[in-house]
């Protein structure tokens, strides 16, 4: 778990497909209170991110473009994440297969920490989805995606930095959920059986 005087704050985590459509998203601030505003912001993220993805590396956060954004790339041991400034918001993003991952934060946050966070989340998802980080697989396992995000970030605060820990916690919750479903099913069956016995008893007495 990350430690320090204050936690690093994430403004949003967004996962989009290759057409810019939402797969999953968590917005942790009140800056985008409505779904309409969130989707509009996500479209801007995708339009700019897909355009800048693969750009050559430049130092620091890069040179500002005419639209107020800038971009650079960060190399970590877990892969390459792109970094850009968009209207004063720091954006770290990465494209894998037909999916785009975005993390946004205040412009004064540490981009290397955020890049590491994104890499950690992707590594945990890669484990949970057995290496299939594509749109179809992610939509079929959306519960895993949302649980992994919640195990990584809570209310914009980074909770966990170890991918194995995140994936293990998600799998444990999945097992617990399955156990609860079995317990409920057994209770329902017992109740149905008792009702049937009561009905038979009533019919035999009448």
C-alpha atoms as a PDB file:
ATOM      1  CA  UNK A   1       0.000   0.000   0.000  1.00  0.00           C
ATOM      2  CA  UNK A   2       1.204   3.488  -0.774  1.00  0.00           C
ATOM      3  CA  UNK A   3       2.385   5.552   2.157  1.00  0.00           C
ATOM      4  CA  UNK A   4       3.114   9.236   2.610  1.00  0.00           C
ATOM      5  CA  UNK A   5       1.958  12.410   4.278  1.00  0.00           C
ATOM      6  CA  UNK A   6      -1.172  12.519   2.123  1.00  0.00           C
ATOM      7  CA  UNK A   7      -2.752  10.018  -0.256  1.00  0.00           C
ATOM      8  CA  UNK A   8      -2.498  10.530  -3.995  1.00  0.00           C
ATOM      9  CA  UNK A   9      -5.900  11.501  -5.293  1.00  0.00           C
ATOM     10  CA  UNK A  10      -7.455  10.106  -8.466  1.00  0.00           C
ATOM     11  CA  UNK A  11     -10.207  12.147 -10.085  1.00  0.00           C
ATOM     12  CA  UNK A  12     -11.473   9.405 -12.376  1.00  0.00           C
ATOM     13  CA  UNK A  13     -10.720   6.018 -13.870  1.00  0.00           C
ATOM     14  CA  UNK A  14     -12.233   5.330 -17.271  1.00  0.00           C
ATOM     15  CA  UNK A  15     -12.109   2.284 -19.555  1.00  0.00           C
ATOM     16  CA  UNK A  16     -13.309   2.787 -23.132  1.00  0.00           C
ATOM     17  CA  UNK A  17     -13.485   0.622 -26.234  1.00  0.00           C
ATOM     18  CA  UNK A  18     -11.854   1.398 -29.582  1.00  0.00           C
ATOM     19  CA  UNK A  19     -14.813   3.587 -30.561  1.00  0.00           C
ATOM     20  CA  UNK A  20     -14.717   5.631 -27.364  1.00  0.00           C
ATOM     21  CA  UNK A  21     -17.725   3.928 -25.790  1.00  0.00           C
ATOM     22  CA  UNK A  22     -17.714   3.292 -22.054  1.00  0.00           C
ATOM     23  CA  UNK A  23     -16.884  -0.145 -20.726  1.00  0.00           C
ATOM     24  CA  UNK A  24     -16.490   0.970 -17.106  1.00  0.00           C
ATOM     25  CA  UNK A  25     -15.939   4.276 -15.354  1.00  0.00           C
ATOM     26  CA  UNK A  26     -15.546   5.680 -11.866  1.00  0.00           C
ATOM     27  CA  UNK A  27     -15.639   9.439 -11.279  1.00  0.00           C
ATOM     28  CA  UNK A  28     -14.559  10.344  -7.750  1.00  0.00           C
ATOM     29  CA  UNK A  29     -15.117  14.111  -7.657  1.00  0.00           C
ATOM     30  CA  UNK A  30     -18.175  16.339  -8.008  1.00  0.00           C
ATOM     31  CA  UNK A  31     -16.757  18.089 -11.075  1.00  0.00           C
ATOM     32  CA  UNK A  32     -18.882  15.928 -13.377  1.00  0.00           C
ATOM     33  CA  UNK A  33     -22.148  15.381 -11.481  1.00  0.00           C
ATOM     34  CA  UNK A  34     -24.293  14.132 -14.379  1.00  0.00           C
ATOM     35  CA  UNK A  35     -23.944  11.178 -16.718  1.00  0.00           C
ATOM     36  CA  UNK A  36     -24.137  13.532 -19.697  1.00  0.00           C
ATOM     37  CA  UNK A  37     -21.143  15.531 -18.452  1.00  0.00           C
ATOM     38  CA  UNK A  38     -19.183  12.365 -17.672  1.00  0.00           C
ATOM     39  CA  UNK A  39     -19.764  10.906 -21.147  1.00  0.00           C
ATOM     40  CA  UNK A  40     -18.812  14.210 -22.786  1.00  0.00           C
ATOM     41  CA  UNK A  41     -15.559  14.272 -20.802  1.00  0.00           C
ATOM     42  CA  UNK A  42     -14.857  10.645 -21.664  1.00  0.00           C
ATOM     43  CA  UNK A  43     -15.298  11.464 -25.355  1.00  0.00           C
ATOM     44  CA  UNK A  44     -12.708  14.230 -25.063  1.00  0.00           C
ATOM     45  CA  UNK A  45     -10.361  11.802 -23.294  1.00  0.00           C
ATOM     46  CA  UNK A  46     -10.754   9.261 -26.056  1.00  0.00           C
ATOM     47  CA  UNK A  47     -10.456  11.734 -28.933  1.00  0.00           C
ATOM     48  CA  UNK A  48      -7.271  13.239 -27.523  1.00  0.00           C
ATOM     49  CA  UNK A  49      -5.823   9.989 -26.165  1.00  0.00           C
ATOM     50  CA  UNK A  50      -6.346   7.971 -29.355  1.00  0.00           C
ATOM     51  CA  UNK A  51      -4.813  10.821 -31.358  1.00  0.00           C
ATOM     52  CA  UNK A  52      -1.772  11.179 -29.102  1.00  0.00           C
ATOM     53  CA  UNK A  53      -1.222   7.467 -28.434  1.00  0.00           C
ATOM     54  CA  UNK A  54       2.105   6.309 -29.758  1.00  0.00           C
ATOM     55  CA  UNK A  55       3.571   9.807 -29.940  1.00  0.00           C
ATOM     56  CA  UNK A  56       7.320  10.109 -29.455  1.00  0.00           C
ATOM     57  CA  UNK A  57       8.657  10.696 -25.964  1.00  0.00           C
ATOM     58  CA  UNK A  58       9.328  14.221 -24.764  1.00  0.00           C
ATOM     59  CA  UNK A  59      10.711  15.339 -21.441  1.00  0.00           C
ATOM     60  CA  UNK A  60       8.645  16.299 -18.425  1.00  0.00           C
ATOM     61  CA  UNK A  61       4.962  16.763 -19.407  1.00  0.00           C
ATOM     62  CA  UNK A  62       5.801  17.937 -22.906  1.00  0.00           C
ATOM     63  CA  UNK A  63       5.061  21.039 -24.898  1.00  0.00           C
ATOM     64  CA  UNK A  64       1.562  22.434 -24.870  1.00  0.00           C
ATOM     65  CA  UNK A  65      -0.511  22.145 -28.002  1.00  0.00           C
ATOM     66  CA  UNK A  66      -2.874  24.744 -29.409  1.00  0.00           C
ATOM     67  CA  UNK A  67      -5.814  23.114 -27.608  1.00  0.00           C
ATOM     68  CA  UNK A  68      -4.215  23.466 -24.172  1.00  0.00           C
ATOM     69  CA  UNK A  69      -3.101  19.855 -23.966  1.00  0.00           C
ATOM     70  CA  UNK A  70       0.340  18.316 -23.940  1.00  0.00           C
ATOM     71  CA  UNK A  71       1.645  14.791 -24.045  1.00  0.00           C
ATOM     72  CA  UNK A  72       4.608  12.617 -23.190  1.00  0.00           C
ATOM     73  CA  UNK A  73       5.287   8.972 -22.497  1.00  0.00           C
ATOM     74  CA  UNK A  74       6.416   7.246 -19.326  1.00  0.00           C
ATOM     75  CA  UNK A  75       8.359   4.003 -19.406  1.00  0.00           C
ATOM     76  CA  UNK A  76       7.988   1.680 -16.406  1.00  0.00           C
ATOM     77  CA  UNK A  77       9.129  -1.891 -15.851  1.00  0.00           C
ATOM     78  CA  UNK A  78       5.516  -3.029 -16.297  1.00  0.00           C
ATOM     79  CA  UNK A  79       4.931  -1.357 -19.659  1.00  0.00           C
ATOM     80  CA  UNK A  80       4.462   1.970 -21.353  1.00  0.00           C
ATOM     81  CA  UNK A  81       1.855   4.488 -20.317  1.00  0.00           C
ATOM     82  CA  UNK A  82       1.172   7.786 -22.069  1.00  0.00           C
ATOM     83  CA  UNK A  83       0.820  11.046 -20.134  1.00  0.00           C
ATOM     84  CA  UNK A  84      -0.902  14.264 -21.190  1.00  0.00           C
ATOM     85  CA  UNK A  85      -2.271  17.462 -19.698  1.00  0.00           C
ATOM     86  CA  UNK A  86      -5.840  18.224 -20.705  1.00  0.00           C
ATOM     87  CA  UNK A  87      -7.301  21.560 -19.575  1.00  0.00           C
ATOM     88  CA  UNK A  88      -5.208  21.496 -16.412  1.00  0.00           C
ATOM     89  CA  UNK A  89      -5.971  17.841 -15.676  1.00  0.00           C
ATOM     90  CA  UNK A  90      -3.232  15.226 -15.624  1.00  0.00           C
ATOM     91  CA  UNK A  91      -4.161  12.167 -17.676  1.00  0.00           C
ATOM     92  CA  UNK A  92      -2.284   8.863 -17.698  1.00  0.00           C
ATOM     93  CA  UNK A  93      -3.543   6.372 -20.254  1.00  0.00           C
ATOM     94  CA  UNK A  94      -2.723   3.198 -22.095  1.00  0.00           C
ATOM     95  CA  UNK A  95      -4.227   1.246 -24.982  1.00  0.00           C
ATOM     96  CA  UNK A  96      -4.294  -2.546 -24.890  1.00  0.00           C
ATOM     97  CA  UNK A  97      -5.876  -4.505 -27.747  1.00  0.00           C
ATOM     98  CA  UNK A  98      -9.167  -2.696 -28.457  1.00  0.00           C
ATOM     99  CA  UNK A  99      -9.429  -1.055 -25.022  1.00  0.00           C
ATOM    100  CA  UNK A 100      -8.243   2.302 -23.643  1.00  0.00           C
ATOM    101  CA  UNK A 101      -7.515   2.876 -19.949  1.00  0.00           C
ATOM    102  CA  UNK A 102      -7.480   6.419 -18.516  1.00  0.00           C
ATOM    103  CA  UNK A 103      -6.641   7.740 -15.055  1.00  0.00           C
ATOM    104  CA  UNK A 104      -7.086  11.468 -14.377  1.00  0.00           C
ATOM    105  CA  UNK A 105      -5.802  13.545 -11.481  1.00  0.00           C
ATOM    106  CA  UNK A 106      -4.858  17.071 -10.501  1.00  0.00           C
ATOM    107  CA  UNK A 107      -2.030  18.512 -12.546  1.00  0.00           C
ATOM    108  CA  UNK A 108       0.291  18.575  -9.527  1.00  0.00           C
ATOM    109  CA  UNK A 109       0.015  14.848  -8.830  1.00  0.00           C
ATOM    110  CA  UNK A 110       2.964  12.521  -9.442  1.00  0.00           C
ATOM    111  CA  UNK A 111       2.630  11.095 -12.958  1.00  0.00           C
ATOM    112  CA  UNK A 112       4.990   8.198 -12.208  1.00  0.00           C
ATOM    113  CA  UNK A 113       2.802   7.086  -9.301  1.00  0.00           C
ATOM    114  CA  UNK A 114      -0.280   7.256 -11.504  1.00  0.00           C
ATOM    115  CA  UNK A 115       1.479   5.358 -14.304  1.00  0.00           C
ATOM    116  CA  UNK A 116       2.461   2.677 -11.797  1.00  0.00           C
ATOM    117  CA  UNK A 117      -1.131   2.575 -10.543  1.00  0.00           C
ATOM    118  CA  UNK A 118      -2.462   2.023 -14.056  1.00  0.00           C
ATOM    119  CA  UNK A 119       0.111  -0.683 -14.684  1.00  0.00           C
ATOM    120  CA  UNK A 120      -0.846  -2.391 -11.413  1.00  0.00           C
ATOM    121  CA  UNK A 121      -4.544  -2.368 -12.266  1.00  0.00           C
ATOM    122  CA  UNK A 122      -3.899  -3.743 -15.742  1.00  0.00           C
ATOM    123  CA  UNK A 123      -1.659  -6.462 -14.334  1.00  0.00           C
ATOM    124  CA  UNK A 124      -4.376  -7.556 -11.897  1.00  0.00           C
ATOM    125  CA  UNK A 125      -6.989  -7.558 -14.677  1.00  0.00           C
ATOM    126  CA  UNK A 126      -4.637  -9.529 -16.879  1.00  0.00           C
ATOM    127  CA  UNK A 127      -4.495 -12.194 -14.152  1.00  0.00           C
ATOM    128  CA  UNK A 128      -8.247 -12.204 -13.541  1.00  0.00           C
ATOM    129  CA  UNK A 129      -9.108 -12.368 -17.247  1.00  0.00           C
ATOM    130  CA  UNK A 130      -6.295 -14.820 -18.063  1.00  0.00           C
ATOM    131  CA  UNK A 131      -4.496 -12.493 -20.418  1.00  0.00           C
ATOM    132  CA  UNK A 132      -7.585 -11.498 -22.413  1.00  0.00           C
ATOM    133  CA  UNK A 133      -7.766  -7.711 -21.989  1.00  0.00           C
ATOM    134  CA  UNK A 134     -10.148  -7.090 -24.878  1.00  0.00           C
ATOM    135  CA  UNK A 135     -13.589  -5.480 -25.024  1.00  0.00           C
ATOM    136  CA  UNK A 136     -15.589  -8.700 -25.362  1.00  0.00           C
ATOM    137  CA  UNK A 137     -13.886 -10.433 -22.434  1.00  0.00           C
ATOM    138  CA  UNK A 138     -14.085  -7.341 -20.234  1.00  0.00           C
ATOM    139  CA  UNK A 139     -17.795  -6.878 -20.868  1.00  0.00           C
ATOM    140  CA  UNK A 140     -18.395 -10.550 -20.075  1.00  0.00           C
ATOM    141  CA  UNK A 141     -16.482 -10.137 -16.791  1.00  0.00           C
ATOM    142  CA  UNK A 142     -17.578  -6.641 -15.821  1.00  0.00           C
ATOM    143  CA  UNK A 143     -18.053  -7.698 -12.200  1.00  0.00           C
ATOM    144  CA  UNK A 144     -14.350  -8.542 -11.978  1.00  0.00           C
ATOM    145  CA  UNK A 145     -13.440  -5.208 -13.556  1.00  0.00           C
ATOM    146  CA  UNK A 146     -15.499  -3.176 -11.085  1.00  0.00           C
ATOM    147  CA  UNK A 147     -14.309  -5.188  -8.082  1.00  0.00           C
ATOM    148  CA  UNK A 148     -10.680  -4.756  -9.147  1.00  0.00           C
ATOM    149  CA  UNK A 149     -11.149  -1.008  -9.474  1.00  0.00           C
ATOM    150  CA  UNK A 150     -12.769  -0.813  -6.030  1.00  0.00           C
ATOM    151  CA  UNK A 151      -9.936  -2.832  -4.496  1.00  0.00           C
ATOM    152  CA  UNK A 152      -7.416  -0.458  -6.067  1.00  0.00           C
ATOM    153  CA  UNK A 153      -9.075   2.941  -5.533  1.00  0.00           C
ATOM    154  CA  UNK A 154     -11.635   4.015  -2.949  1.00  0.00           C
ATOM    155  CA  UNK A 155     -13.194   7.445  -3.239  1.00  0.00           C
ATOM    156  CA  UNK A 156     -10.239   8.657  -5.260  1.00  0.00           C
ATOM    157  CA  UNK A 157      -7.646   7.388  -2.764  1.00  0.00           C
ATOM    158  CA  UNK A 158      -5.154   4.756  -3.874  1.00  0.00           C
ATOM    159  CA  UNK A 159      -5.603   1.709  -1.638  1.00  0.00           C
ATOM    160  CA  UNK A 160      -3.345  -0.941  -3.079  1.00  0.00           C
ATOM    161  CA  UNK A 161      -0.220  -1.111  -5.240  1.00  0.00           C
ATOM    162  CA  UNK A 162       0.299  -4.875  -5.502  1.00  0.00           C
ATOM    163  CA  UNK A 163      -1.443  -6.558  -8.429  1.00  0.00           C
ATOM    164  CA  UNK A 164      -1.500 -10.079  -6.875  1.00  0.00           C
ATOM    165  CA  UNK A 165      -3.178  -8.690  -3.754  1.00  0.00           C
ATOM    166  CA  UNK A 166      -5.873  -6.998  -5.834  1.00  0.00           C
ATOM    167  CA  UNK A 167      -6.633 -10.074  -7.942  1.00  0.00           C
ATOM    168  CA  UNK A 168      -6.651 -12.353  -4.886  1.00  0.00           C
ATOM    169  CA  UNK A 169      -9.131 -10.104  -3.070  1.00  0.00           C
ATOM    170  CA  UNK A 170     -11.404 -10.017  -6.115  1.00  0.00           C
ATOM    171  CA  UNK A 171     -11.358 -13.819  -6.381  1.00  0.00           C
ATOM    172  CA  UNK A 172     -12.068 -14.156  -2.653  1.00  0.00           C
ATOM    173  CA  UNK A 173     -15.109 -11.882  -2.954  1.00  0.00           C
ATOM    174  CA  UNK A 174     -16.297 -13.870  -5.957  1.00  0.00           C
ATOM    175  CA  UNK A 175     -16.078 -17.113  -3.951  1.00  0.00           C
ATOM    176  CA  UNK A 176     -17.869 -15.489  -0.999  1.00  0.00           C
ATOM    177  CA  UNK A 177     -20.601 -14.262  -3.337  1.00  0.00           C
ATOM    178  CA  UNK A 178     -21.024 -17.722  -4.836  1.00  0.00           C
ATOM    179  CA  UNK A 179     -21.219 -19.161  -1.328  1.00  0.00           C
ATOM    180  CA  UNK A 180     -23.969 -16.716  -0.403  1.00  0.00           C
ATOM    181  CA  UNK A 181     -25.893 -17.617  -3.544  1.00  0.00           C
ATOM    182  CA  UNK A 182     -25.681 -21.332  -2.663  1.00  0.00           C
ATOM    183  CA  UNK A 183     -26.824 -20.597   0.880  1.00  0.00           C
ATOM    184  CA  UNK A 184     -29.778 -18.564  -0.384  1.00  0.00           C
ATOM    185  CA  UNK A 185     -30.669 -21.306  -2.873  1.00  0.00           C
ATOM    186  CA  UNK A 186     -30.598 -23.935  -0.109  1.00  0.00           C
ATOM    187  CA  UNK A 187     -32.792 -21.761   2.106  1.00  0.00           C
ATOM    188  CA  UNK A 188     -35.238 -21.210  -0.755  1.00  0.00           C
ATOM    189  CA  UNK A 189     -35.389 -24.946  -1.467  1.00  0.00           C
ATOM    190  CA  UNK A 190     -35.949 -25.754   2.214  1.00  0.00           C
ATOM    191  CA  UNK A 191     -38.729 -23.170   2.398  1.00  0.00           C
ATOM    192  CA  UNK A 192     -40.345 -24.571  -0.764  1.00  0.00           C
ATOM    193  CA  UNK A 193     -40.127 -28.107   0.607  1.00  0.00           C
ATOM    194  CA  UNK A 194     -41.711 -27.045   3.903  1.00  0.00           C
ATOM    195  CA  UNK A 195     -44.531 -25.243   2.088  1.00  0.00           C
ATOM    196  CA  UNK A 196     -45.179 -28.364  -0.001  1.00  0.00           C
ATOM    197  CA  UNK A 197     -45.332 -30.499   3.152  1.00  0.00           C
ATOM    198  CA  UNK A 198     -47.744 -28.062   4.754  1.00  0.00           C
ATOM    199  CA  UNK A 199     -49.964 -28.145   1.678  1.00  0.00           C
ATOM    200  CA  UNK A 200     -49.970 -31.972   1.625  1.00  0.00           C
ATOM    201  CA  UNK A 201     -50.753 -32.111   5.319  1.00  0.00           C
ATOM    202  CA  UNK A 202     -53.640 -29.705   4.854  1.00  0.00           C
ATOM    203  CA  UNK A 203     -55.053 -31.713   1.921  1.00  0.00           C
ATOM    204  CA  UNK A 204     -54.835 -35.000   3.841  1.00  0.00           C
ATOM    205  CA  UNK A 205     -56.710 -33.519   6.792  1.00  0.00           C
ATOM    206  CA  UNK A 206     -59.464 -32.002   4.660  1.00  0.00           C
END
